[in-house]
Amino acid sequence: MTDINQVIEQMPVEVYERLRSAAELGKWEDGTVLSDAQRESTLQVVMLYQARKLDQTEHFTIAANGKINELSKAELKKQFRGESIAEFKVQEL
């Protein structure tokens, strides 16, 4: 059997994205539901890939050190400062 480190190192981005989607939705692209064991394994592979191959700093992502990035409330506010979600005119309300 191939070593998990080799699997992660050789994994194309497209495969990672499919695994991430399956872990998030709980089903494969064809609609087949993942078993609990499949979902757990898929999530572990996704987290390992994120830690090893992606340089992520967003809230609740896996950092290179394998720990979850947790931003403080102040950091999150600073990230979203100045960005409007939606704008309405008074007569539209």
PDB file of N, CA and C in Angstrom:
ATOM      1  N   MET A   1       0.846  -1.183   0.000  1.00  0.00           N
ATOM      2  CA  MET A   1       0.000   0.000   0.000  1.00  0.00           C
ATOM      3  C   MET A   1       0.889   1.243   0.000  1.00  0.00           C
ATOM      4  N   THR A   2       0.436   2.258  -0.683  1.00  0.00           N
ATOM      5  CA  THR A   2       1.177   3.507  -0.790  1.00  0.00           C
ATOM      6  C   THR A   2       1.107   4.278   0.523  1.00  0.00           C
ATOM      7  N   ASP A   3       2.184   4.936   0.851  1.00  0.00           N
ATOM      8  CA  ASP A   3       2.265   5.768   2.041  1.00  0.00           C
ATOM      9  C   ASP A   3       1.377   7.002   1.861  1.00  0.00           C
ATOM     10  N   ILE A   4       0.670   7.407   2.911  1.00  0.00           N
ATOM     11  CA  ILE A   4      -0.235   8.557   2.828  1.00  0.00           C
ATOM     12  C   ILE A   4       0.512   9.831   2.429  1.00  0.00           C
ATOM     13  N   ASN A   5       1.777   9.937   2.838  1.00  0.00           N
ATOM     14  CA  ASN A   5       2.566  11.116   2.469  1.00  0.00           C
ATOM     15  C   ASN A   5       2.776  11.189   0.954  1.00  0.00           C
ATOM     16  N   GLN A   6       2.980  10.025   0.327  1.00  0.00           N
ATOM     17  CA  GLN A   6       3.130   9.984  -1.128  1.00  0.00           C
ATOM     18  C   GLN A   6       1.812  10.336  -1.808  1.00  0.00           C
ATOM     19  N   VAL A   7       0.716   9.848  -1.249  1.00  0.00           N
ATOM     20  CA  VAL A   7      -0.606  10.132  -1.811  1.00  0.00           C
ATOM     21  C   VAL A   7      -0.853  11.640  -1.800  1.00  0.00           C
ATOM     22  N   ILE A   8      -0.594  12.270  -0.676  1.00  0.00           N
ATOM     23  CA  ILE A   8      -0.810  13.721  -0.555  1.00  0.00           C
ATOM     24  C   ILE A   8       0.106  14.474  -1.502  1.00  0.00           C
ATOM     25  N   GLU A   9       1.359  14.080  -1.553  1.00  0.00           N
ATOM     26  CA  GLU A   9       2.335  14.766  -2.397  1.00  0.00           C
ATOM     27  C   GLU A   9       1.978  14.684  -3.878  1.00  0.00           C
ATOM     28  N   GLN A  10       1.423  13.575  -4.309  1.00  0.00           N
ATOM     29  CA  GLN A  10       1.119  13.360  -5.722  1.00  0.00           C
ATOM     30  C   GLN A  10      -0.330  13.701  -6.100  1.00  0.00           C
ATOM     31  N   MET A  11      -1.132  14.087  -5.125  1.00  0.00           N
ATOM     32  CA  MET A  11      -2.554  14.329  -5.376  1.00  0.00           C
ATOM     33  C   MET A  11      -2.771  15.608  -6.192  1.00  0.00           C
ATOM     34  N   PRO A  12      -3.467  15.492  -7.327  1.00  0.00           N
ATOM     35  CA  PRO A  12      -3.800  16.682  -8.110  1.00  0.00           C
ATOM     36  C   PRO A  12      -4.830  17.543  -7.368  1.00  0.00           C
ATOM     37  N   VAL A  13      -4.822  18.829  -7.639  1.00  0.00           N
ATOM     38  CA  VAL A  13      -5.746  19.757  -7.000  1.00  0.00           C
ATOM     39  C   VAL A  13      -7.196  19.348  -7.252  1.00  0.00           C
ATOM     40  N   GLU A  14      -7.482  18.842  -8.434  1.00  0.00           N
ATOM     41  CA  GLU A  14      -8.852  18.438  -8.778  1.00  0.00           C
ATOM     42  C   GLU A  14      -9.357  17.336  -7.851  1.00  0.00           C
ATOM     43  N   VAL A  15      -8.496  16.402  -7.513  1.00  0.00           N
ATOM     44  CA  VAL A  15      -8.873  15.309  -6.607  1.00  0.00           C
ATOM     45  C   VAL A  15      -9.130  15.869  -5.213  1.00  0.00           C
ATOM     46  N   TYR A  16      -8.252  16.758  -4.757  1.00  0.00           N
ATOM     47  CA  TYR A  16      -8.452  17.405  -3.454  1.00  0.00           C
ATOM     48  C   TYR A  16      -9.805  18.111  -3.414  1.00  0.00           C
ATOM     49  N   GLU A  17     -10.130  18.857  -4.468  1.00  0.00           N
ATOM     50  CA  GLU A  17     -11.392  19.593  -4.504  1.00  0.00           C
ATOM     51  C   GLU A  17     -12.596  18.656  -4.466  1.00  0.00           C
ATOM     52  N   ARG A  18     -12.510  17.516  -5.135  1.00  0.00           N
ATOM     53  CA  ARG A  18     -13.603  16.533  -5.103  1.00  0.00           C
ATOM     54  C   ARG A  18     -13.754  15.926  -3.715  1.00  0.00           C
ATOM     55  N   LEU A  19     -12.618  15.618  -3.088  1.00  0.00           N
ATOM     56  CA  LEU A  19     -12.659  15.063  -1.735  1.00  0.00           C
ATOM     57  C   LEU A  19     -13.211  16.088  -0.750  1.00  0.00           C
ATOM     58  N   ARG A  20     -12.792  17.335  -0.882  1.00  0.00           N
ATOM     59  CA  ARG A  20     -13.285  18.390   0.007  1.00  0.00           C
ATOM     60  C   ARG A  20     -14.794  18.550  -0.144  1.00  0.00           C
ATOM     61  N   SER A  21     -15.263  18.556  -1.381  1.00  0.00           N
ATOM     62  CA  SER A  21     -16.697  18.678  -1.637  1.00  0.00           C
ATOM     63  C   SER A  21     -17.454  17.499  -1.030  1.00  0.00           C
ATOM     64  N   ALA A  22     -16.924  16.300  -1.205  1.00  0.00           N
ATOM     65  CA  ALA A  22     -17.574  15.107  -0.650  1.00  0.00           C
ATOM     66  C   ALA A  22     -17.629  15.173   0.877  1.00  0.00           C
ATOM     67  N   ALA A  23     -16.541  15.623   1.495  1.00  0.00           N
ATOM     68  CA  ALA A  23     -16.516  15.725   2.958  1.00  0.00           C
ATOM     69  C   ALA A  23     -17.510  16.781   3.445  1.00  0.00           C
ATOM     70  N   GLU A  24     -17.618  17.887   2.718  1.00  0.00           N
ATOM     71  CA  GLU A  24     -18.538  18.960   3.106  1.00  0.00           C
ATOM     72  C   GLU A  24     -19.997  18.558   2.928  1.00  0.00           C
ATOM     73  N   LEU A  25     -20.308  17.921   1.783  1.00  0.00           N
ATOM     74  CA  LEU A  25     -21.694  17.592   1.456  1.00  0.00           C
ATOM     75  C   LEU A  25     -22.146  16.237   1.977  1.00  0.00           C
ATOM     76  N   GLY A  26     -21.181  15.347   2.246  1.00  0.00           N
ATOM     77  CA  GLY A  26     -21.522  14.013   2.721  1.00  0.00           C
ATOM     78  C   GLY A  26     -21.916  13.063   1.607  1.00  0.00           C
ATOM     79  N   LYS A  27     -21.605  13.477   0.362  1.00  0.00           N
ATOM     80  CA  LYS A  27     -21.899  12.598  -0.772  1.00  0.00           C
ATOM     81  C   LYS A  27     -20.936  12.901  -1.908  1.00  0.00           C
ATOM     82  N   TRP A  28     -20.774  11.906  -2.785  1.00  0.00           N
ATOM     83  CA  TRP A  28     -19.913  12.061  -3.951  1.00  0.00           C
ATOM     84  C   TRP A  28     -20.653  12.848  -5.020  1.00  0.00           C
ATOM     85  N   GLU A  29     -19.937  13.224  -6.062  1.00  0.00           N
ATOM     86  CA  GLU A  29     -20.534  14.013  -7.143  1.00  0.00           C
ATOM     87  C   GLU A  29     -21.733  13.321  -7.788  1.00  0.00           C
ATOM     88  N   ASP A  30     -21.723  11.995  -7.816  1.00  0.00           N
ATOM     89  CA  ASP A  30     -22.835  11.256  -8.440  1.00  0.00           C
ATOM     90  C   ASP A  30     -24.031  11.082  -7.505  1.00  0.00           C
ATOM     91  N   GLY A  31     -23.930  11.626  -6.281  1.00  0.00           N
ATOM     92  CA  GLY A  31     -25.027  11.565  -5.318  1.00  0.00           C
ATOM     93  C   GLY A  31     -24.943  10.429  -4.325  1.00  0.00           C
ATOM     94  N   THR A  32     -23.971   9.538  -4.486  1.00  0.00           N
ATOM     95  CA  THR A  32     -23.797   8.429  -3.546  1.00  0.00           C
ATOM     96  C   THR A  32     -23.364   8.974  -2.180  1.00  0.00           C
ATOM     97  N   VAL A  33     -24.101   8.587  -1.159  1.00  0.00           N
ATOM     98  CA  VAL A  33     -23.813   9.066   0.193  1.00  0.00           C
ATOM     99  C   VAL A  33     -22.576   8.371   0.756  1.00  0.00           C
ATOM    100  N   LEU A  34     -21.712   9.149   1.421  1.00  0.00           N
ATOM    101  CA  LEU A  34     -20.529   8.580   2.064  1.00  0.00           C
ATOM    102  C   LEU A  34     -20.947   7.895   3.358  1.00  0.00           C
ATOM    103  N   SER A  35     -20.333   6.771   3.644  1.00  0.00           N
ATOM    104  CA  SER A  35     -20.551   6.137   4.945  1.00  0.00           C
ATOM    105  C   SER A  35     -19.820   6.985   5.982  1.00  0.00           C
ATOM    106  N   ASP A  36     -20.101   6.750   7.243  1.00  0.00           N
ATOM    107  CA  ASP A  36     -19.417   7.502   8.301  1.00  0.00           C
ATOM    108  C   ASP A  36     -17.901   7.313   8.206  1.00  0.00           C
ATOM    109  N   ALA A  37     -17.469   6.080   7.944  1.00  0.00           N
ATOM    110  CA  ALA A  37     -16.032   5.793   7.842  1.00  0.00           C
ATOM    111  C   ALA A  37     -15.418   6.513   6.643  1.00  0.00           C
ATOM    112  N   GLN A  38     -16.131   6.526   5.506  1.00  0.00           N
ATOM    113  CA  GLN A  38     -15.629   7.224   4.324  1.00  0.00           C
ATOM    114  C   GLN A  38     -15.518   8.725   4.574  1.00  0.00           C
ATOM    115  N   ARG A  39     -16.521   9.273   5.219  1.00  0.00           N
ATOM    116  CA  ARG A  39     -16.511  10.716   5.487  1.00  0.00           C
ATOM    117  C   ARG A  39     -15.358  11.078   6.420  1.00  0.00           C
ATOM    118  N   GLU A  40     -15.138  10.279   7.444  1.00  0.00           N
ATOM    119  CA  GLU A  40     -14.048  10.527   8.380  1.00  0.00           C
ATOM    120  C   GLU A  40     -12.694  10.438   7.678  1.00  0.00           C
ATOM    121  N   SER A  41     -12.503   9.411   6.866  1.00  0.00           N
ATOM    122  CA  SER A  41     -11.237   9.248   6.135  1.00  0.00           C
ATOM    123  C   SER A  41     -11.024  10.372   5.130  1.00  0.00           C
ATOM    124  N   THR A  42     -12.086  10.729   4.432  1.00  0.00           N
ATOM    125  CA  THR A  42     -12.009  11.805   3.445  1.00  0.00           C
ATOM    126  C   THR A  42     -11.643  13.120   4.120  1.00  0.00           C
ATOM    127  N   LEU A  43     -12.263  13.402   5.235  1.00  0.00           N
ATOM    128  CA  LEU A  43     -11.973  14.626   5.977  1.00  0.00           C
ATOM    129  C   LEU A  43     -10.519  14.654   6.441  1.00  0.00           C
ATOM    130  N   GLN A  44     -10.006  13.527   6.898  1.00  0.00           N
ATOM    131  CA  GLN A  44      -8.614  13.460   7.335  1.00  0.00           C
ATOM    132  C   GLN A  44      -7.653  13.731   6.174  1.00  0.00           C
ATOM    133  N   VAL A  45      -7.949  13.172   5.000  1.00  0.00           N
ATOM    134  CA  VAL A  45      -7.098  13.402   3.831  1.00  0.00           C
ATOM    135  C   VAL A  45      -7.154  14.871   3.421  1.00  0.00           C
ATOM    136  N   VAL A  46      -8.341  15.454   3.439  1.00  0.00           N
ATOM    137  CA  VAL A  46      -8.501  16.866   3.088  1.00  0.00           C
ATOM    138  C   VAL A  46      -7.703  17.748   4.045  1.00  0.00           C
ATOM    139  N   MET A  47      -7.796  17.481   5.327  1.00  0.00           N
ATOM    140  CA  MET A  47      -7.074  18.284   6.319  1.00  0.00           C
ATOM    141  C   MET A  47      -5.562  18.126   6.158  1.00  0.00           C
ATOM    142  N   LEU A  48      -5.115  16.926   5.877  1.00  0.00           N
ATOM    143  CA  LEU A  48      -3.684  16.685   5.670  1.00  0.00           C
ATOM    144  C   LEU A  48      -3.196  17.418   4.422  1.00  0.00           C
ATOM    145  N   TYR A  49      -3.987  17.372   3.362  1.00  0.00           N
ATOM    146  CA  TYR A  49      -3.637  18.080   2.129  1.00  0.00           C
ATOM    147  C   TYR A  49      -3.544  19.585   2.401  1.00  0.00           C
ATOM    148  N   GLN A  50      -4.532  20.130   3.117  1.00  0.00           N
ATOM    149  CA  GLN A  50      -4.525  21.561   3.428  1.00  0.00           C
ATOM    150  C   GLN A  50      -3.294  21.949   4.237  1.00  0.00           C
ATOM    151  N   ALA A  51      -2.950  21.121   5.203  1.00  0.00           N
ATOM    152  CA  ALA A  51      -1.794  21.422   6.053  1.00  0.00           C
ATOM    153  C   ALA A  51      -0.477  21.348   5.290  1.00  0.00           C
ATOM    154  N   ARG A  52      -0.385  20.412   4.358  1.00  0.00           N
ATOM    155  CA  ARG A  52       0.885  20.187   3.667  1.00  0.00           C
ATOM    156  C   ARG A  52       1.053  21.003   2.391  1.00  0.00           C
ATOM    157  N   LYS A  53      -0.036  21.240   1.665  1.00  0.00           N
ATOM    158  CA  LYS A  53       0.090  21.815   0.321  1.00  0.00           C
ATOM    159  C   LYS A  53      -0.479  23.218   0.156  1.00  0.00           C
ATOM    160  N   LEU A  54      -1.336  23.648   1.058  1.00  0.00           N
ATOM    161  CA  LEU A  54      -1.957  24.959   0.907  1.00  0.00           C
ATOM    162  C   LEU A  54      -1.453  25.908   1.980  1.00  0.00           C
ATOM    163  N   ASP A  55      -1.270  27.146   1.606  1.00  0.00           N
ATOM    164  CA  ASP A  55      -0.862  28.172   2.563  1.00  0.00           C
ATOM    165  C   ASP A  55      -2.113  28.952   2.942  1.00  0.00           C
ATOM    166  N   GLN A  56      -2.811  28.468   3.945  1.00  0.00           N
ATOM    167  CA  GLN A  56      -4.092  29.046   4.325  1.00  0.00           C
ATOM    168  C   GLN A  56      -3.984  29.854   5.598  1.00  0.00           C
ATOM    169  N   THR A  57      -4.647  30.979   5.601  1.00  0.00           N
ATOM    170  CA  THR A  57      -4.677  31.811   6.799  1.00  0.00           C
ATOM    171  C   THR A  57      -6.101  32.188   7.187  1.00  0.00           C
ATOM    172  N   GLU A  58      -7.090  31.726   6.426  1.00  0.00           N
ATOM    173  CA  GLU A  58      -8.477  32.057   6.718  1.00  0.00           C
ATOM    174  C   GLU A  58      -8.925  31.354   8.001  1.00  0.00           C
ATOM    175  N   HIS A  59      -9.998  31.911   8.571  1.00  0.00           N
ATOM    176  CA  HIS A  59     -10.572  31.385   9.802  1.00  0.00           C
ATOM    177  C   HIS A  59     -11.024  29.938   9.612  1.00  0.00           C
ATOM    178  N   PHE A  60     -10.691  29.089  10.551  1.00  0.00           N
ATOM    179  CA  PHE A  60     -11.041  27.667  10.576  1.00  0.00           C
ATOM    180  C   PHE A  60     -10.557  26.900   9.352  1.00  0.00           C
ATOM    181  N   THR A  61      -9.341  27.181   8.929  1.00  0.00           N
ATOM    182  CA  THR A  61      -8.678  26.360   7.928  1.00  0.00           C
ATOM    183  C   THR A  61      -7.476  25.721   8.607  1.00  0.00           C
ATOM    184  N   ILE A  62      -6.866  24.768   7.949  1.00  0.00           N
ATOM    185  CA  ILE A  62      -5.726  24.062   8.522  1.00  0.00           C
ATOM    186  C   ILE A  62      -4.439  24.767   8.098  1.00  0.00           C
ATOM    187  N   ALA A  63      -3.647  25.166   9.069  1.00  0.00           N
ATOM    188  CA  ALA A  63      -2.376  25.845   8.799  1.00  0.00           C
ATOM    189  C   ALA A  63      -1.287  24.813   8.506  1.00  0.00           C
ATOM    190  N   ALA A  64      -0.138  25.309   8.035  1.00  0.00           N
ATOM    191  CA  ALA A  64       0.980  24.429   7.687  1.00  0.00           C
ATOM    192  C   ALA A  64       1.473  23.612   8.884  1.00  0.00           C
ATOM    193  N   ASN A  65       1.293  24.123  10.082  1.00  0.00           N
ATOM    194  CA  ASN A  65       1.723  23.385  11.274  1.00  0.00           C
ATOM    195  C   ASN A  65       0.713  22.331  11.709  1.00  0.00           C
ATOM    196  N   GLY A  66      -0.394  22.205  10.940  1.00  0.00           N
ATOM    197  CA  GLY A  66      -1.409  21.203  11.244  1.00  0.00           C
ATOM    198  C   GLY A  66      -2.459  21.658  12.234  1.00  0.00           C
ATOM    199  N   LYS A  67      -2.357  22.890  12.701  1.00  0.00           N
ATOM    200  CA  LYS A  67      -3.332  23.419  13.655  1.00  0.00           C
ATOM    201  C   LYS A  67      -4.398  24.221  12.916  1.00  0.00           C
ATOM    202  N   ILE A  68      -5.550  24.358  13.549  1.00  0.00           N
ATOM    203  CA  ILE A  68      -6.644  25.126  12.963  1.00  0.00           C
ATOM    204  C   ILE A  68      -6.381  26.615  13.167  1.00  0.00           C
ATOM    205  N   ASN A  69      -6.530  27.380  12.072  1.00  0.00           N
ATOM    206  CA  ASN A  69      -6.421  28.834  12.172  1.00  0.00           C
ATOM    207  C   ASN A  69      -7.691  29.354  12.836  1.00  0.00           C
ATOM    208  N   GLU A  70      -7.524  29.988  13.960  1.00  0.00           N
ATOM    209  CA  GLU A  70      -8.657  30.595  14.644  1.00  0.00           C
ATOM    210  C   GLU A  70      -8.368  32.074  14.800  1.00  0.00           C
ATOM    211  N   LEU A  71      -9.125  32.885  14.084  1.00  0.00           N
ATOM    212  CA  LEU A  71      -8.925  34.324  14.158  1.00  0.00           C
ATOM    213  C   LEU A  71      -9.782  34.902  15.278  1.00  0.00           C
ATOM    214  N   SER A  72      -9.252  35.925  15.912  1.00  0.00           N
ATOM    215  CA  SER A  72     -10.011  36.583  16.967  1.00  0.00           C
ATOM    216  C   SER A  72     -11.143  37.394  16.342  1.00  0.00           C
ATOM    217  N   LYS A  73     -12.067  37.823  17.166  1.00  0.00           N
ATOM    218  CA  LYS A  73     -13.189  38.632  16.690  1.00  0.00           C
ATOM    219  C   LYS A  73     -12.673  39.918  16.049  1.00  0.00           C
ATOM    220  N   ALA A  74     -11.664  40.523  16.647  1.00  0.00           N
ATOM    221  CA  ALA A  74     -11.083  41.760  16.105  1.00  0.00           C
ATOM    222  C   ALA A  74     -10.449  41.519  14.732  1.00  0.00           C
ATOM    223  N   GLU A  75      -9.761  40.381  14.575  1.00  0.00           N
ATOM    224  CA  GLU A  75      -9.144  40.050  13.287  1.00  0.00           C
ATOM    225  C   GLU A  75     -10.200  39.817  12.214  1.00  0.00           C
ATOM    226  N   LEU A  76     -11.291  39.147  12.575  1.00  0.00           N
ATOM    227  CA  LEU A  76     -12.373  38.905  11.629  1.00  0.00           C
ATOM    228  C   LEU A  76     -13.042  40.220  11.221  1.00  0.00           C
ATOM    229  N   LYS A  77     -13.267  41.107  12.190  1.00  0.00           N
ATOM    230  CA  LYS A  77     -13.862  42.406  11.878  1.00  0.00           C
ATOM    231  C   LYS A  77     -12.962  43.195  10.928  1.00  0.00           C
ATOM    232  N   LYS A  78     -11.661  43.161  11.188  1.00  0.00           N
ATOM    233  CA  LYS A  78     -10.712  43.881  10.342  1.00  0.00           C
ATOM    234  C   LYS A  78     -10.733  43.328   8.919  1.00  0.00           C
ATOM    235  N   GLN A  79     -10.872  42.017   8.790  1.00  0.00           N
ATOM    236  CA  GLN A  79     -10.919  41.368   7.490  1.00  0.00           C
ATOM    237  C   GLN A  79     -12.115  41.826   6.671  1.00  0.00           C
ATOM    238  N   PHE A  80     -13.246  42.032   7.329  1.00  0.00           N
ATOM    239  CA  PHE A  80     -14.482  42.353   6.615  1.00  0.00           C
ATOM    240  C   PHE A  80     -14.862  43.829   6.677  1.00  0.00           C
ATOM    241  N   ARG A  81     -14.028  44.646   7.289  1.00  0.00           N
ATOM    242  CA  ARG A  81     -14.317  46.073   7.407  1.00  0.00           C
ATOM    243  C   ARG A  81     -14.430  46.699   6.025  1.00  0.00           C
ATOM    244  N   GLY A  82     -15.453  47.509   5.855  1.00  0.00           N
ATOM    245  CA  GLY A  82     -15.621  48.242   4.614  1.00  0.00           C
ATOM    246  C   GLY A  82     -16.333  47.484   3.519  1.00  0.00           C
ATOM    247  N   GLU A  83     -16.567  46.211   3.709  1.00  0.00           N
ATOM    248  CA  GLU A  83     -17.269  45.425   2.683  1.00  0.00           C
ATOM    249  C   GLU A  83     -18.750  45.359   3.021  1.00  0.00           C
ATOM    250  N   SER A  84     -19.584  45.871   2.123  1.00  0.00           N
ATOM    251  CA  SER A  84     -21.031  45.794   2.334  1.00  0.00           C
ATOM    252  C   SER A  84     -21.526  44.447   1.855  1.00  0.00           C
ATOM    253  N   ILE A  85     -22.444  43.907   2.581  1.00  0.00           N
ATOM    254  CA  ILE A  85     -23.064  42.648   2.165  1.00  0.00           C
ATOM    255  C   ILE A  85     -24.174  42.966   1.170  1.00  0.00           C
ATOM    256  N   ALA A  86     -24.994  43.979   1.503  1.00  0.00           N
ATOM    257  CA  ALA A  86     -26.081  44.400   0.619  1.00  0.00           C
ATOM    258  C   ALA A  86     -26.408  45.842   0.925  1.00  0.00           C
ATOM    259  N   GLU A  87     -26.906  46.548  -0.064  1.00  0.00           N
ATOM    260  CA  GLU A  87     -27.325  47.935   0.136  1.00  0.00           C
ATOM    261  C   GLU A  87     -28.760  48.067  -0.357  1.00  0.00           C
ATOM    262  N   PHE A  88     -29.560  48.819   0.404  1.00  0.00           N
ATOM    263  CA  PHE A  88     -30.958  49.035   0.061  1.00  0.00           C
ATOM    264  C   PHE A  88     -31.263  50.527   0.145  1.00  0.00           C
ATOM    265  N   LYS A  89     -32.168  50.965  -0.720  1.00  0.00           N
ATOM    266  CA  LYS A  89     -32.682  52.321  -0.639  1.00  0.00           C
ATOM    267  C   LYS A  89     -33.861  52.279   0.308  1.00  0.00           C
ATOM    268  N   VAL A  90     -34.157  53.402   0.976  1.00  0.00           N
ATOM    269  CA  VAL A  90     -35.222  53.452   1.969  1.00  0.00           C
ATOM    270  C   VAL A  90     -36.549  52.980   1.364  1.00  0.00           C
ATOM    271  N   GLN A  91     -36.846  53.384   0.155  1.00  0.00           N
ATOM    272  CA  GLN A  91     -38.116  52.998  -0.458  1.00  0.00           C
ATOM    273  C   GLN A  91     -38.187  51.507  -0.777  1.00  0.00           C
ATOM    274  N   GLU A  92     -37.075  50.813  -0.799  1.00  0.00           N
ATOM    275  CA  GLU A  92     -37.082  49.381  -1.062  1.00  0.00           C
ATOM    276  C   GLU A  92     -37.386  48.558   0.178  1.00  0.00           C
ATOM    277  N   LEU A  93     -37.287  49.184   1.329  1.00  0.00           N
ATOM    278  CA  LEU A  93     -37.540  48.453   2.576  1.00  0.00           C
ATOM    279  C   LEU A  93     -38.963  48.419   2.881  1.00  0.00           C
TER     280      LEU A  93
END
